[in-house]
PDB file of N, CA and C in Angstrom:
ATOM      1  N   GLU A   1       0.843  -1.191   0.000  1.00  0.00           N
ATOM      2  CA  GLU A   1       0.000   0.000   0.000  1.00  0.00           C
ATOM      3  C   GLU A   1       0.882   1.247   0.000  1.00  0.00           C
ATOM      4  N   GLN A   2       0.553   2.188  -0.882  1.00  0.00           N
ATOM      5  CA  GLN A   2       1.312   3.424  -0.953  1.00  0.00           C
ATOM      6  C   GLN A   2       0.842   4.353   0.162  1.00  0.00           C
ATOM      7  N   GLN A   3       1.795   4.823   0.990  1.00  0.00           N
ATOM      8  CA  GLN A   3       1.458   5.740   2.080  1.00  0.00           C
ATOM      9  C   GLN A   3       2.447   6.890   2.133  1.00  0.00           C
ATOM     10  N   LEU A   4       1.950   8.050   2.546  1.00  0.00           N
ATOM     11  CA  LEU A   4       2.761   9.242   2.747  1.00  0.00           C
ATOM     12  C   LEU A   4       2.530   9.756   4.161  1.00  0.00           C
ATOM     13  N   VAL A   5       3.602  10.164   4.825  1.00  0.00           N
ATOM     14  CA  VAL A   5       3.491  10.705   6.178  1.00  0.00           C
ATOM     15  C   VAL A   5       4.254  12.013   6.242  1.00  0.00           C
ATOM     16  N   GLU A   6       3.523  13.102   6.543  1.00  0.00           N
ATOM     17  CA  GLU A   6       4.144  14.406   6.675  1.00  0.00           C
ATOM     18  C   GLU A   6       4.576  14.647   8.124  1.00  0.00           C
ATOM     19  N   SER A   7       5.603  15.451   8.291  1.00  0.00           N
ATOM     20  CA  SER A   7       6.046  15.878   9.612  1.00  0.00           C
ATOM     21  C   SER A   7       6.789  17.196   9.480  1.00  0.00           C
ATOM     22  N   GLY A   8       7.050  17.817  10.627  1.00  0.00           N
ATOM     23  CA  GLY A   8       7.845  19.034  10.625  1.00  0.00           C
ATOM     24  C   GLY A   8       7.074  20.317  10.843  1.00  0.00           C
ATOM     25  N   GLY A   9       5.762  20.219  10.915  1.00  0.00           N
ATOM     26  CA  GLY A   9       4.977  21.422  11.155  1.00  0.00           C
ATOM     27  C   GLY A   9       5.141  21.921  12.584  1.00  0.00           C
ATOM     28  N   GLY A  10       4.596  23.095  12.842  1.00  0.00           N
ATOM     29  CA  GLY A  10       4.668  23.660  14.185  1.00  0.00           C
ATOM     30  C   GLY A  10       4.364  25.132  14.183  1.00  0.00           C
ATOM     31  N   LEU A  11       4.655  25.760  15.301  1.00  0.00           N
ATOM     32  CA  LEU A  11       4.440  27.195  15.467  1.00  0.00           C
ATOM     33  C   LEU A  11       5.762  27.927  15.242  1.00  0.00           C
ATOM     34  N   VAL A  12       5.716  28.938  14.408  1.00  0.00           N
ATOM     35  CA  VAL A  12       6.929  29.702  14.106  1.00  0.00           C
ATOM     36  C   VAL A  12       6.552  31.171  13.995  1.00  0.00           C
ATOM     37  N   GLN A  13       7.479  32.047  14.330  1.00  0.00           N
ATOM     38  CA  GLN A  13       7.219  33.483  14.221  1.00  0.00           C
ATOM     39  C   GLN A  13       7.361  33.939  12.774  1.00  0.00           C
ATOM     40  N   PRO A  14       6.696  35.015  12.418  1.00  0.00           N
ATOM     41  CA  PRO A  14       6.887  35.567  11.072  1.00  0.00           C
ATOM     42  C   PRO A  14       8.365  35.820  10.793  1.00  0.00           C
ATOM     43  N   GLY A  15       8.778  35.453   9.581  1.00  0.00           N
ATOM     44  CA  GLY A  15      10.182  35.563   9.210  1.00  0.00           C
ATOM     45  C   GLY A  15      10.992  34.323   9.501  1.00  0.00           C
ATOM     46  N   GLY A  16      10.416  33.394  10.221  1.00  0.00           N
ATOM     47  CA  GLY A  16      11.110  32.175  10.582  1.00  0.00           C
ATOM     48  C   GLY A  16      11.079  31.117   9.491  1.00  0.00           C
ATOM     49  N   SER A  17      11.628  29.949   9.813  1.00  0.00           N
ATOM     50  CA  SER A  17      11.747  28.855   8.849  1.00  0.00           C
ATOM     51  C   SER A  17      11.272  27.544   9.463  1.00  0.00           C
ATOM     52  N   LEU A  18      10.806  26.677   8.591  1.00  0.00           N
ATOM     53  CA  LEU A  18      10.476  25.297   8.941  1.00  0.00           C
ATOM     54  C   LEU A  18      10.836  24.415   7.760  1.00  0.00           C
ATOM     55  N   ARG A  19      11.124  23.159   8.043  1.00  0.00           N
ATOM     56  CA  ARG A  19      11.304  22.188   6.971  1.00  0.00           C
ATOM     57  C   ARG A  19      10.310  21.056   7.175  1.00  0.00           C
ATOM     58  N   LEU A  20       9.461  20.881   6.197  1.00  0.00           N
ATOM     59  CA  LEU A  20       8.493  19.791   6.222  1.00  0.00           C
ATOM     60  C   LEU A  20       9.073  18.567   5.515  1.00  0.00           C
ATOM     61  N   SER A  21       8.705  17.398   6.020  1.00  0.00           N
ATOM     62  CA  SER A  21       9.134  16.142   5.414  1.00  0.00           C
ATOM     63  C   SER A  21       7.919  15.344   4.973  1.00  0.00           C
ATOM     64  N   CYS A  22       8.081  14.639   3.883  1.00  0.00           N
ATOM     65  CA  CYS A  22       7.043  13.744   3.357  1.00  0.00           C
ATOM     66  C   CYS A  22       7.723  12.399   3.125  1.00  0.00           C
ATOM     67  N   ALA A  23       7.512  11.471   4.038  1.00  0.00           N
ATOM     68  CA  ALA A  23       8.149  10.162   3.961  1.00  0.00           C
ATOM     69  C   ALA A  23       7.205   9.166   3.317  1.00  0.00           C
ATOM     70  N   ALA A  24       7.729   8.400   2.380  1.00  0.00           N
ATOM     71  CA  ALA A  24       6.916   7.432   1.655  1.00  0.00           C
ATOM     72  C   ALA A  24       7.173   6.017   2.141  1.00  0.00           C
ATOM     73  N   SER A  25       6.152   5.205   2.114  1.00  0.00           N
ATOM     74  CA  SER A  25       6.301   3.781   2.372  1.00  0.00           C
ATOM     75  C   SER A  25       5.432   3.016   1.382  1.00  0.00           C
ATOM     76  N   GLY A  26       5.873   1.824   1.052  1.00  0.00           N
ATOM     77  CA  GLY A  26       5.118   0.997   0.122  1.00  0.00           C
ATOM     78  C   GLY A  26       5.441   1.266  -1.339  1.00  0.00           C
ATOM     79  N   PHE A  27       6.282   2.242  -1.606  1.00  0.00           N
ATOM     80  CA  PHE A  27       6.695   2.534  -2.972  1.00  0.00           C
ATOM     81  C   PHE A  27       7.944   3.413  -2.923  1.00  0.00           C
ATOM     82  N   THR A  28       8.578   3.569  -4.101  1.00  0.00           N
ATOM     83  CA  THR A  28       9.793   4.384  -4.193  1.00  0.00           C
ATOM     84  C   THR A  28       9.432   5.745  -4.755  1.00  0.00           C
ATOM     85  N   LEU A  29       9.724   6.791  -3.985  1.00  0.00           N
ATOM     86  CA  LEU A  29       9.315   8.144  -4.354  1.00  0.00           C
ATOM     87  C   LEU A  29       9.907   8.625  -5.665  1.00  0.00           C
ATOM     88  N   ASP A  30      11.123   8.208  -6.008  1.00  0.00           N
ATOM     89  CA  ASP A  30      11.798   8.841  -7.134  1.00  0.00           C
ATOM     90  C   ASP A  30      11.157   8.509  -8.476  1.00  0.00           C
ATOM     91  N   GLY A  31      10.213   7.577  -8.477  1.00  0.00           N
ATOM     92  CA  GLY A  31       9.519   7.275  -9.712  1.00  0.00           C
ATOM     93  C   GLY A  31       8.259   8.102  -9.920  1.00  0.00           C
ATOM     94  N   TYR A  32       7.999   9.038  -9.012  1.00  0.00           N
ATOM     95  CA  TYR A  32       6.752   9.781  -9.040  1.00  0.00           C
ATOM     96  C   TYR A  32       6.989  11.280  -8.869  1.00  0.00           C
ATOM     97  N   ALA A  33       6.101  12.061  -9.478  1.00  0.00           N
ATOM     98  CA  ALA A  33       6.037  13.480  -9.163  1.00  0.00           C
ATOM     99  C   ALA A  33       5.311  13.628  -7.830  1.00  0.00           C
ATOM    100  N   ILE A  34       5.849  14.478  -6.973  1.00  0.00           N
ATOM    101  CA  ILE A  34       5.271  14.684  -5.642  1.00  0.00           C
ATOM    102  C   ILE A  34       4.927  16.167  -5.484  1.00  0.00           C
ATOM    103  N   GLY A  35       3.738  16.416  -4.987  1.00  0.00           N
ATOM    104  CA  GLY A  35       3.300  17.785  -4.762  1.00  0.00           C
ATOM    105  C   GLY A  35       3.105  18.079  -3.293  1.00  0.00           C
ATOM    106  N   TRP A  36       3.309  19.336  -2.943  1.00  0.00           N
ATOM    107  CA  TRP A  36       2.931  19.857  -1.625  1.00  0.00           C
ATOM    108  C   TRP A  36       1.747  20.793  -1.818  1.00  0.00           C
ATOM    109  N   PHE A  37       0.742  20.611  -1.000  1.00  0.00           N
ATOM    110  CA  PHE A  37      -0.462  21.420  -1.027  1.00  0.00           C
ATOM    111  C   PHE A  37      -0.707  21.963   0.371  1.00  0.00           C
ATOM    112  N   ARG A  38      -1.540  22.985   0.462  1.00  0.00           N
ATOM    113  CA  ARG A  38      -1.932  23.486   1.773  1.00  0.00           C
ATOM    114  C   ARG A  38      -3.403  23.880   1.755  1.00  0.00           C
ATOM    115  N   GLN A  39      -3.995  23.830   2.941  1.00  0.00           N
ATOM    116  CA  GLN A  39      -5.416  24.144   3.032  1.00  0.00           C
ATOM    117  C   GLN A  39      -5.711  24.871   4.333  1.00  0.00           C
ATOM    118  N   VAL A  40      -6.483  25.931   4.202  1.00  0.00           N
ATOM    119  CA  VAL A  40      -6.995  26.691   5.335  1.00  0.00           C
ATOM    120  C   VAL A  40      -8.467  26.352   5.468  1.00  0.00           C
ATOM    121  N   PRO A  41      -8.974  26.181   6.686  1.00  0.00           N
ATOM    122  CA  PRO A  41     -10.394  25.851   6.851  1.00  0.00           C
ATOM    123  C   PRO A  41     -11.298  26.815   6.084  1.00  0.00           C
ATOM    124  N   GLY A  42     -12.225  26.243   5.337  1.00  0.00           N
ATOM    125  CA  GLY A  42     -13.162  27.054   4.581  1.00  0.00           C
ATOM    126  C   GLY A  42     -12.675  27.458   3.213  1.00  0.00           C
ATOM    127  N   LYS A  43     -11.443  27.077   2.866  1.00  0.00           N
ATOM    128  CA  LYS A  43     -10.888  27.426   1.564  1.00  0.00           C
ATOM    129  C   LYS A  43     -10.475  26.164   0.822  1.00  0.00           C
ATOM    130  N   ALA A  44     -10.340  26.289  -0.485  1.00  0.00           N
ATOM    131  CA  ALA A  44      -9.928  25.154  -1.310  1.00  0.00           C
ATOM    132  C   ALA A  44      -8.455  24.827  -1.060  1.00  0.00           C
ATOM    133  N   ARG A  45      -8.131  23.565  -1.268  1.00  0.00           N
ATOM    134  CA  ARG A  45      -6.737  23.152  -1.156  1.00  0.00           C
ATOM    135  C   ARG A  45      -5.933  23.807  -2.276  1.00  0.00           C
ATOM    136  N   GLU A  46      -4.763  24.322  -1.938  1.00  0.00           N
ATOM    137  CA  GLU A  46      -3.923  25.079  -2.866  1.00  0.00           C
ATOM    138  C   GLU A  46      -2.614  24.337  -3.099  1.00  0.00           C
ATOM    139  N   GLU A  47      -2.214  24.208  -4.369  1.00  0.00           N
ATOM    140  CA  GLU A  47      -0.929  23.590  -4.649  1.00  0.00           C
ATOM    141  C   GLU A  47       0.169  24.614  -4.390  1.00  0.00           C
ATOM    142  N   VAL A  48       1.161  24.198  -3.618  1.00  0.00           N
ATOM    143  CA  VAL A  48       2.264  25.071  -3.233  1.00  0.00           C
ATOM    144  C   VAL A  48       3.490  24.817  -4.095  1.00  0.00           C
ATOM    145  N   SER A  49       3.800  23.540  -4.309  1.00  0.00           N
ATOM    146  CA  SER A  49       5.017  23.199  -5.028  1.00  0.00           C
ATOM    147  C   SER A  49       4.914  21.772  -5.531  1.00  0.00           C
ATOM    148  N   CYS A  50       5.739  21.450  -6.520  1.00  0.00           N
ATOM    149  CA  CYS A  50       5.758  20.105  -7.078  1.00  0.00           C
ATOM    150  C   CYS A  50       7.167  19.808  -7.575  1.00  0.00           C
ATOM    151  N   ILE A  51       7.554  18.559  -7.461  1.00  0.00           N
ATOM    152  CA  ILE A  51       8.838  18.120  -8.022  1.00  0.00           C
ATOM    153  C   ILE A  51       8.560  16.915  -8.902  1.00  0.00           C
ATOM    154  N   THR A  52       9.068  16.961 -10.132  1.00  0.00           N
ATOM    155  CA  THR A  52       8.781  15.887 -11.079  1.00  0.00           C
ATOM    156  C   THR A  52       9.642  14.666 -10.788  1.00  0.00           C
ATOM    157  N   SER A  53       9.300  13.558 -11.415  1.00  0.00           N
ATOM    158  CA  SER A  53      10.102  12.348 -11.262  1.00  0.00           C
ATOM    159  C   SER A  53      11.347  12.429 -12.153  1.00  0.00           C
ATOM    160  N   ARG A  54      12.346  11.656 -11.819  1.00  0.00           N
ATOM    161  CA  ARG A  54      13.576  11.485 -12.595  1.00  0.00           C
ATOM    162  C   ARG A  54      14.418  12.747 -12.738  1.00  0.00           C
ATOM    163  N   ILE A  55      13.949  13.785 -13.448  1.00  0.00           N
ATOM    164  CA  ILE A  55      14.806  14.952 -13.669  1.00  0.00           C
ATOM    165  C   ILE A  55      14.631  16.009 -12.583  1.00  0.00           C
ATOM    166  N   ASP A  56      13.663  15.799 -11.658  1.00  0.00           N
ATOM    167  CA  ASP A  56      13.481  16.697 -10.516  1.00  0.00           C
ATOM    168  C   ASP A  56      13.280  18.147 -10.922  1.00  0.00           C
ATOM    169  N   LYS A  57      12.488  18.378 -11.927  1.00  0.00           N
ATOM    170  CA  LYS A  57      12.099  19.747 -12.251  1.00  0.00           C
ATOM    171  C   LYS A  57      11.112  20.225 -11.194  1.00  0.00           C
ATOM    172  N   THR A  58      11.244  21.490 -10.811  1.00  0.00           N
ATOM    173  CA  THR A  58      10.425  21.990  -9.704  1.00  0.00           C
ATOM    174  C   THR A  58       9.505  23.114 -10.145  1.00  0.00           C
ATOM    175  N   PHE A  59       8.376  23.219  -9.467  1.00  0.00           N
ATOM    176  CA  PHE A  59       7.391  24.260  -9.720  1.00  0.00           C
ATOM    177  C   PHE A  59       6.950  24.853  -8.387  1.00  0.00           C
ATOM    178  N   TYR A  60       6.636  26.150  -8.407  1.00  0.00           N
ATOM    179  CA  TYR A  60       6.213  26.836  -7.194  1.00  0.00           C
ATOM    180  C   TYR A  60       5.045  27.763  -7.492  1.00  0.00           C
ATOM    181  N   ALA A  61       4.132  27.839  -6.526  1.00  0.00           N
ATOM    182  CA  ALA A  61       3.090  28.852  -6.626  1.00  0.00           C
ATOM    183  C   ALA A  61       3.729  30.229  -6.484  1.00  0.00           C
ATOM    184  N   ALA A  62       3.125  31.214  -7.114  1.00  0.00           N
ATOM    185  CA  ALA A  62       3.675  32.570  -7.076  1.00  0.00           C
ATOM    186  C   ALA A  62       3.792  33.087  -5.647  1.00  0.00           C
ATOM    187  N   SER A  63       2.887  32.643  -4.791  1.00  0.00           N
ATOM    188  CA  SER A  63       2.853  33.144  -3.416  1.00  0.00           C
ATOM    189  C   SER A  63       4.034  32.668  -2.577  1.00  0.00           C
ATOM    190  N   VAL A  64       4.723  31.607  -3.023  1.00  0.00           N
ATOM    191  CA  VAL A  64       5.830  31.062  -2.230  1.00  0.00           C
ATOM    192  C   VAL A  64       7.155  31.079  -2.977  1.00  0.00           C
ATOM    193  N   LYS A  65       7.127  31.442  -4.247  1.00  0.00           N
ATOM    194  CA  LYS A  65       8.350  31.404  -5.051  1.00  0.00           C
ATOM    195  C   LYS A  65       9.402  32.314  -4.443  1.00  0.00           C
ATOM    196  N   GLY A  66      10.627  31.793  -4.334  1.00  0.00           N
ATOM    197  CA  GLY A  66      11.714  32.552  -3.731  1.00  0.00           C
ATOM    198  C   GLY A  66      11.846  32.357  -2.234  1.00  0.00           C
ATOM    199  N   ARG A  67      10.820  31.763  -1.628  1.00  0.00           N
ATOM    200  CA  ARG A  67      10.852  31.528  -0.168  1.00  0.00           C
ATOM    201  C   ARG A  67      10.864  30.037   0.165  1.00  0.00           C
ATOM    202  N   PHE A  68      10.221  29.227  -0.649  1.00  0.00           N
ATOM    203  CA  PHE A  68      10.109  27.786  -0.402  1.00  0.00           C
ATOM    204  C   PHE A  68      10.987  27.034  -1.406  1.00  0.00           C
ATOM    205  N   THR A  69      11.521  25.900  -0.961  1.00  0.00           N
ATOM    206  CA  THR A  69      12.321  25.045  -1.827  1.00  0.00           C
ATOM    207  C   THR A  69      11.913  23.595  -1.615  1.00  0.00           C
ATOM    208  N   ILE A  70      11.573  22.919  -2.704  1.00  0.00           N
ATOM    209  CA  ILE A  70      11.223  21.503  -2.646  1.00  0.00           C
ATOM    210  C   ILE A  70      12.432  20.690  -3.086  1.00  0.00           C
ATOM    211  N   SER A  71      12.624  19.549  -2.437  1.00  0.00           N
ATOM    212  CA  SER A  71      13.739  18.682  -2.806  1.00  0.00           C
ATOM    213  C   SER A  71      13.391  17.253  -2.412  1.00  0.00           C
ATOM    214  N   ARG A  72      14.171  16.305  -2.919  1.00  0.00           N
ATOM    215  CA  ARG A  72      13.947  14.916  -2.535  1.00  0.00           C
ATOM    216  C   ARG A  72      15.269  14.264  -2.153  1.00  0.00           C
ATOM    217  N   ASP A  73      15.205  13.321  -1.231  1.00  0.00           N
ATOM    218  CA  ASP A  73      16.339  12.493  -0.851  1.00  0.00           C
ATOM    219  C   ASP A  73      15.922  11.049  -1.131  1.00  0.00           C
ATOM    220  N   ASN A  74      16.431  10.513  -2.217  1.00  0.00           N
ATOM    221  CA  ASN A  74      16.008   9.171  -2.618  1.00  0.00           C
ATOM    222  C   ASN A  74      16.484   8.102  -1.632  1.00  0.00           C
ATOM    223  N   ASP A  75      17.626   8.317  -0.996  1.00  0.00           N
ATOM    224  CA  ASP A  75      18.117   7.342  -0.023  1.00  0.00           C
ATOM    225  C   ASP A  75      17.165   7.231   1.162  1.00  0.00           C
ATOM    226  N   LYS A  76      16.528   8.341   1.521  1.00  0.00           N
ATOM    227  CA  LYS A  76      15.595   8.348   2.646  1.00  0.00           C
ATOM    228  C   LYS A  76      14.144   8.213   2.185  1.00  0.00           C
ATOM    229  N   ASN A  77      13.961   8.134   0.863  1.00  0.00           N
ATOM    230  CA  ASN A  77      12.607   8.001   0.308  1.00  0.00           C
ATOM    231  C   ASN A  77      11.693   9.111   0.846  1.00  0.00           C
ATOM    232  N   THR A  78      12.224  10.321   0.825  1.00  0.00           N
ATOM    233  CA  THR A  78      11.548  11.464   1.451  1.00  0.00           C
ATOM    234  C   THR A  78      11.645  12.695   0.555  1.00  0.00           C
ATOM    235  N   VAL A  79      10.572  13.458   0.513  1.00  0.00           N
ATOM    236  CA  VAL A  79      10.555  14.761  -0.144  1.00  0.00           C
ATOM    237  C   VAL A  79      10.427  15.830   0.931  1.00  0.00           C
ATOM    238  N   TYR A  80      11.149  16.920   0.753  1.00  0.00           N
ATOM    239  CA  TYR A  80      11.165  18.000   1.729  1.00  0.00           C
ATOM    240  C   TYR A  80      10.583  19.280   1.144  1.00  0.00           C
ATOM    241  N   LEU A  81      10.085  20.119   2.035  1.00  0.00           N
ATOM    242  CA  LEU A  81       9.693  21.473   1.665  1.00  0.00           C
ATOM    243  C   LEU A  81      10.335  22.410   2.683  1.00  0.00           C
ATOM    244  N   GLN A  82      11.399  23.089   2.249  1.00  0.00           N
ATOM    245  CA  GLN A  82      12.057  24.079   3.098  1.00  0.00           C
ATOM    246  C   GLN A  82      11.311  25.398   2.938  1.00  0.00           C
ATOM    247  N   MET A  83      10.836  25.928   4.056  1.00  0.00           N
ATOM    248  CA  MET A  83      10.036  27.146   4.027  1.00  0.00           C
ATOM    249  C   MET A  83      10.757  28.235   4.817  1.00  0.00           C
ATOM    250  N   ASN A  84      11.144  29.284   4.135  1.00  0.00           N
ATOM    251  CA  ASN A  84      11.848  30.410   4.746  1.00  0.00           C
ATOM    252  C   ASN A  84      10.993  31.673   4.665  1.00  0.00           C
ATOM    253  N   SER A  85      11.359  32.666   5.444  1.00  0.00           N
ATOM    254  CA  SER A  85      10.659  33.959   5.440  1.00  0.00           C
ATOM    255  C   SER A  85       9.154  33.766   5.556  1.00  0.00           C
ATOM    256  N   LEU A  86       8.761  32.954   6.502  1.00  0.00           N
ATOM    257  CA  LEU A  86       7.351  32.610   6.638  1.00  0.00           C
ATOM    258  C   LEU A  86       6.507  33.818   7.020  1.00  0.00           C
ATOM    259  N   LYS A  87       5.285  33.816   6.498  1.00  0.00           N
ATOM    260  CA  LYS A  87       4.332  34.895   6.727  1.00  0.00           C
ATOM    261  C   LYS A  87       3.075  34.321   7.390  1.00  0.00           C
ATOM    262  N   ALA A  88       2.298  35.189   7.989  1.00  0.00           N
ATOM    263  CA  ALA A  88       1.061  34.737   8.639  1.00  0.00           C
ATOM    264  C   ALA A  88       0.155  34.022   7.642  1.00  0.00           C
ATOM    265  N   GLU A  89       0.152  34.471   6.399  1.00  0.00           N
ATOM    266  CA  GLU A  89      -0.717  33.863   5.401  1.00  0.00           C
ATOM    267  C   GLU A  89      -0.252  32.492   4.942  1.00  0.00           C
ATOM    268  N   ASP A  90       0.917  32.042   5.404  1.00  0.00           N
ATOM    269  CA  ASP A  90       1.360  30.674   5.128  1.00  0.00           C
ATOM    270  C   ASP A  90       0.749  29.679   6.110  1.00  0.00           C
ATOM    271  N   THR A  91       0.052  30.181   7.119  1.00  0.00           N
ATOM    272  CA  THR A  91      -0.594  29.306   8.089  1.00  0.00           C
ATOM    273  C   THR A  91      -1.616  28.414   7.403  1.00  0.00           C
ATOM    274  N   ALA A  92      -1.472  27.099   7.581  1.00  0.00           N
ATOM    275  CA  ALA A  92      -2.345  26.133   6.924  1.00  0.00           C
ATOM    276  C   ALA A  92      -1.942  24.722   7.346  1.00  0.00           C
ATOM    277  N   VAL A  93      -2.764  23.759   6.984  1.00  0.00           N
ATOM    278  CA  VAL A  93      -2.363  22.355   7.057  1.00  0.00           C
ATOM    279  C   VAL A  93      -1.706  22.017   5.717  1.00  0.00           C
ATOM    280  N   TYR A  94      -0.527  21.463   5.781  1.00  0.00           N
ATOM    281  CA  TYR A  94       0.243  21.135   4.583  1.00  0.00           C
ATOM    282  C   TYR A  94       0.180  19.621   4.345  1.00  0.00           C
ATOM    283  N   TYR A  95      -0.079  19.275   3.099  1.00  0.00           N
ATOM    284  CA  TYR A  95      -0.203  17.881   2.692  1.00  0.00           C
ATOM    285  C   TYR A  95       0.746  17.589   1.538  1.00  0.00           C
ATOM    286  N   CYS A  96       1.268  16.372   1.502  1.00  0.00           N
ATOM    287  CA  CYS A  96       1.961  15.941   0.297  1.00  0.00           C
ATOM    288  C   CYS A  96       1.101  14.902  -0.430  1.00  0.00           C
ATOM    289  N   ASN A  97       1.386  14.758  -1.701  1.00  0.00           N
ATOM    290  CA  ASN A  97       0.514  13.970  -2.575  1.00  0.00           C
ATOM    291  C   ASN A  97       1.328  13.357  -3.704  1.00  0.00           C
ATOM    292  N   ILE A  98       1.021  12.137  -4.050  1.00  0.00           N
ATOM    293  CA  ILE A  98       1.558  11.588  -5.306  1.00  0.00           C
ATOM    294  C   ILE A  98       0.763  12.296  -6.385  1.00  0.00           C
ATOM    295  N   TRP A  99       1.441  13.140  -7.142  1.00  0.00           N
ATOM    296  CA  TRP A  99       0.758  14.087  -8.014  1.00  0.00           C
ATOM    297  C   TRP A  99      -0.165  13.370  -8.990  1.00  0.00           C
ATOM    298  N   GLY A 100      -1.390  13.829  -9.047  1.00  0.00           N
ATOM    299  CA  GLY A 100      -2.351  13.257  -9.981  1.00  0.00           C
ATOM    300  C   GLY A 100      -3.076  12.035  -9.467  1.00  0.00           C
ATOM    301  N   THR A 101      -2.832  11.678  -8.205  1.00  0.00           N
ATOM    302  CA  THR A 101      -3.512  10.522  -7.612  1.00  0.00           C
ATOM    303  C   THR A 101      -4.278  10.953  -6.364  1.00  0.00           C
ATOM    304  N   GLU A 102      -4.950  10.004  -5.758  1.00  0.00           N
ATOM    305  CA  GLU A 102      -5.670  10.260  -4.513  1.00  0.00           C
ATOM    306  C   GLU A 102      -4.880   9.787  -3.302  1.00  0.00           C
ATOM    307  N   VAL A 103      -3.570   9.646  -3.463  1.00  0.00           N
ATOM    308  CA  VAL A 103      -2.727   9.241  -2.339  1.00  0.00           C
ATOM    309  C   VAL A 103      -2.209  10.496  -1.651  1.00  0.00           C
ATOM    310  N   TRP A 104      -2.695  10.726  -0.432  1.00  0.00           N
ATOM    311  CA  TRP A 104      -2.361  11.905   0.363  1.00  0.00           C
ATOM    312  C   TRP A 104      -1.858  11.482   1.728  1.00  0.00           C
ATOM    313  N   GLY A 105      -1.023  12.323   2.327  1.00  0.00           N
ATOM    314  CA  GLY A 105      -0.679  12.131   3.717  1.00  0.00           C
ATOM    315  C   GLY A 105      -1.769  12.686   4.609  1.00  0.00           C
ATOM    316  N   GLN A 106      -1.540  12.612   5.918  1.00  0.00           N
ATOM    317  CA  GLN A 106      -2.545  13.054   6.886  1.00  0.00           C
ATOM    318  C   GLN A 106      -2.462  14.552   7.153  1.00  0.00           C
ATOM    319  N   GLY A 107      -1.383  15.177   6.723  1.00  0.00           N
ATOM    320  CA  GLY A 107      -1.213  16.619   6.893  1.00  0.00           C
ATOM    321  C   GLY A 107      -0.408  16.967   8.130  1.00  0.00           C
ATOM    322  N   THR A 108       0.218  18.138   8.071  1.00  0.00           N
ATOM    323  CA  THR A 108       0.951  18.676   9.218  1.00  0.00           C
ATOM    324  C   THR A 108       0.640  20.169   9.305  1.00  0.00           C
ATOM    325  N   LEU A 109       0.327  20.627  10.508  1.00  0.00           N
ATOM    326  CA  LEU A 109      -0.126  22.001  10.693  1.00  0.00           C
ATOM    327  C   LEU A 109       1.052  22.950  10.845  1.00  0.00           C
ATOM    328  N   VAL A 110       1.025  24.013  10.065  1.00  0.00           N
ATOM    329  CA  VAL A 110       2.004  25.093  10.169  1.00  0.00           C
ATOM    330  C   VAL A 110       1.274  26.350  10.623  1.00  0.00           C
ATOM    331  N   THR A 111       1.719  26.916  11.713  1.00  0.00           N
ATOM    332  CA  THR A 111       1.130  28.147  12.232  1.00  0.00           C
ATOM    333  C   THR A 111       2.205  29.214  12.319  1.00  0.00           C
ATOM    334  N   VAL A 112       1.993  30.311  11.618  1.00  0.00           N
ATOM    335  CA  VAL A 112       2.944  31.424  11.630  1.00  0.00           C
ATOM    336  C   VAL A 112       2.300  32.570  12.394  1.00  0.00           C
ATOM    337  N   SER A 113       2.831  32.846  13.574  1.00  0.00           N
ATOM    338  CA  SER A 113       2.221  33.845  14.440  1.00  0.00           C
ATOM    339  C   SER A 113       3.237  34.349  15.446  1.00  0.00           C
ATOM    340  N   SER A 114       3.088  35.605  15.809  1.00  0.00           N
ATOM    341  CA  SER A 114       3.950  36.168  16.853  1.00  0.00           C
ATOM    342  C   SER A 114       3.259  36.072  18.209  1.00  0.00           C
TER     343      SER A 114
END
């Protein structure tokens, strides 16, 4: 069974940094495009970033470009989302996803507040 588990969320002050992890089990991540999404209660889920399979081409939403970096570590079967210069509007539950499928993690909460 393909499973994803996110971790690394928490409370951080504006301007701070967090690194989210998306660990895979039941399959090898490097054969798949992986996306990071976020959702605020009452709003639609928003795609934040994506990394393609094999050549690791990356994409970012305009709202996070220049502040967030997606990467993968194939030895650890994990995809990361490094988030810098965090803003209050980045507060959300963050999910990773095998792009284009219904395989999602359980989410990790990021709260940016002073």
